[in-house]
């Protein structure tokens, strides 16, 4: 059974930074595409960033130049470094691991950006 777990959320002032981590049991993350999504109150879940097995990455326009997704092979985790955070970044952040026809999601990690 694959389990996905996010960690590292919290509260930060505008302009601050947070680092989220995604871990999964029973699977080697480096061989899979990992997506970071977020869902703000009363909004649809949206893709924030993704990293592919090749190491290539993609970002939503709203977070380019501020967020960075990376893989730690030794720890078998995928991180989302978030800098220059804005109040609009407030959301629950989810990690998605697609395997075949099944998408495995974590329970999410709350990020609150407020002064």
Protein backbone atom coordinates (compact mmCIF):
# COMPACT_ATOMS: atom_id res chain seq x y z
CA UNK A 1 0.00 0.00 0.00
CA UNK A 2 1.44 3.33 -1.06
CA UNK A 3 1.09 6.12 1.48
CA UNK A 4 1.95 9.72 0.72
CA UNK A 5 2.69 12.16 3.52
CA UNK A 6 3.34 15.89 3.36
CA UNK A 7 5.13 17.83 6.09
CA UNK A 8 6.56 21.27 6.73
CA UNK A 9 3.56 23.56 6.53
CA UNK A 10 2.87 26.36 8.94
CA UNK A 11 2.31 30.09 9.27
CA UNK A 12 4.62 32.73 7.89
CA UNK A 13 4.54 36.45 7.22
CA UNK A 14 4.46 37.79 3.66
CA UNK A 15 7.90 37.61 2.13
CA UNK A 16 8.85 34.63 4.25
CA UNK A 17 9.82 31.10 3.27
CA UNK A 18 8.65 27.58 3.98
CA UNK A 19 9.81 24.20 2.83
CA UNK A 20 7.39 21.35 2.28
CA UNK A 21 8.42 17.74 2.01
CA UNK A 22 6.66 14.79 0.41
CA UNK A 23 7.47 11.24 1.44
CA UNK A 24 5.99 7.98 0.26
CA UNK A 25 6.26 4.53 1.67
CA UNK A 26 6.76 1.52 -0.54
CA UNK A 27 7.89 3.39 -3.63
CA UNK A 28 11.02 5.06 -4.96
CA UNK A 29 9.99 8.63 -5.67
CA UNK A 30 12.89 9.25 -8.04
CA UNK A 31 11.29 6.92 -10.58
CA UNK A 32 7.99 8.73 -10.60
CA UNK A 33 6.46 12.05 -11.44
CA UNK A 34 5.55 13.99 -8.31
CA UNK A 35 3.10 16.85 -8.37
CA UNK A 36 2.55 19.55 -5.77
CA UNK A 37 -0.98 20.96 -5.74
CA UNK A 38 -2.74 23.44 -3.56
CA UNK A 39 -6.29 24.27 -2.71
CA UNK A 40 -7.29 27.61 -1.25
CA UNK A 41 -10.63 28.10 0.51
CA UNK A 42 -13.53 28.03 -1.98
CA UNK A 43 -11.17 27.48 -4.90
CA UNK A 44 -10.36 24.48 -7.03
CA UNK A 45 -7.25 22.46 -6.48
CA UNK A 46 -4.47 23.62 -8.79
CA UNK A 47 -1.09 22.33 -9.88
CA UNK A 48 1.76 24.31 -8.37
CA UNK A 49 4.81 22.38 -9.51
CA UNK A 50 5.89 18.97 -10.71
CA UNK A 51 9.11 17.07 -11.09
CA UNK A 52 9.52 14.27 -13.62
CA UNK A 53 11.75 11.17 -13.48
CA UNK A 54 14.13 12.95 -15.87
CA UNK A 55 14.56 15.72 -13.30
CA UNK A 56 12.72 18.23 -15.43
CA UNK A 57 10.38 20.52 -13.55
CA UNK A 58 7.37 22.64 -14.34
CA UNK A 59 5.70 25.45 -12.41
CA UNK A 60 2.49 27.40 -12.39
CA UNK A 61 3.02 30.94 -13.63
CA UNK A 62 1.95 32.30 -10.25
CA UNK A 63 4.89 30.65 -8.45
CA UNK A 64 7.67 30.76 -11.04
CA UNK A 65 10.88 32.30 -9.72
CA UNK A 66 9.60 31.88 -6.14
CA UNK A 67 9.06 28.14 -5.69
CA UNK A 68 11.44 25.31 -6.42
CA UNK A 69 10.71 21.60 -6.48
CA UNK A 70 13.56 19.17 -5.92
CA UNK A 71 14.21 15.55 -5.18
CA UNK A 72 16.37 14.11 -2.39
CA UNK A 73 17.24 10.63 -3.56
CA UNK A 74 18.93 9.57 -0.33
CA UNK A 75 15.92 10.54 1.76
CA UNK A 76 13.44 9.42 -0.90
CA UNK A 77 11.56 12.67 -0.59
CA UNK A 78 10.49 15.53 -2.84
CA UNK A 79 10.66 19.05 -1.48
CA UNK A 80 8.89 22.25 -2.41
CA UNK A 81 10.90 25.30 -1.38
CA UNK A 82 8.64 28.33 -1.24
CA UNK A 83 10.17 31.79 -1.07
CA UNK A 84 8.75 35.30 -1.17
CA UNK A 85 5.43 33.97 0.02
CA UNK A 86 2.32 36.02 -0.53
CA UNK A 87 -1.10 35.93 1.16
CA UNK A 88 -2.46 34.43 -2.09
CA UNK A 89 -0.23 31.40 -1.46
CA UNK A 90 -2.35 30.49 1.55
CA UNK A 91 -3.76 27.04 0.90
CA UNK A 92 -3.57 23.39 1.78
CA UNK A 93 -0.71 21.90 -0.20
CA UNK A 94 -0.93 18.34 -1.45
CA UNK A 95 1.55 15.94 -2.93
CA UNK A 96 0.32 13.65 -5.70
CA UNK A 97 1.99 10.45 -6.83
CA UNK A 98 0.45 8.97 -9.97
CA UNK A 99 1.14 5.28 -10.48
CA UNK A 100 -0.53 3.77 -13.50
CA UNK A 101 -4.19 4.68 -13.37
CA UNK A 102 -4.16 5.48 -9.66
CA UNK A 103 -3.33 8.85 -8.09
CA UNK A 104 -2.07 8.67 -4.54
CA UNK A 105 -2.60 11.82 -2.53
CA UNK A 106 -1.38 12.90 0.85
CA UNK A 107 -3.70 14.47 3.39
CA UNK A 108 -2.21 17.89 2.79
CA UNK A 109 -0.23 20.46 4.70
CA UNK A 110 -1.63 23.88 5.57
CA UNK A 111 0.35 26.95 4.59
CA UNK A 112 -0.86 30.28 5.93
CA UNK A 113 0.71 33.54 4.80
CA UNK A 114 -0.48 36.44 6.87
CA UNK A 115 0.81 39.50 8.66
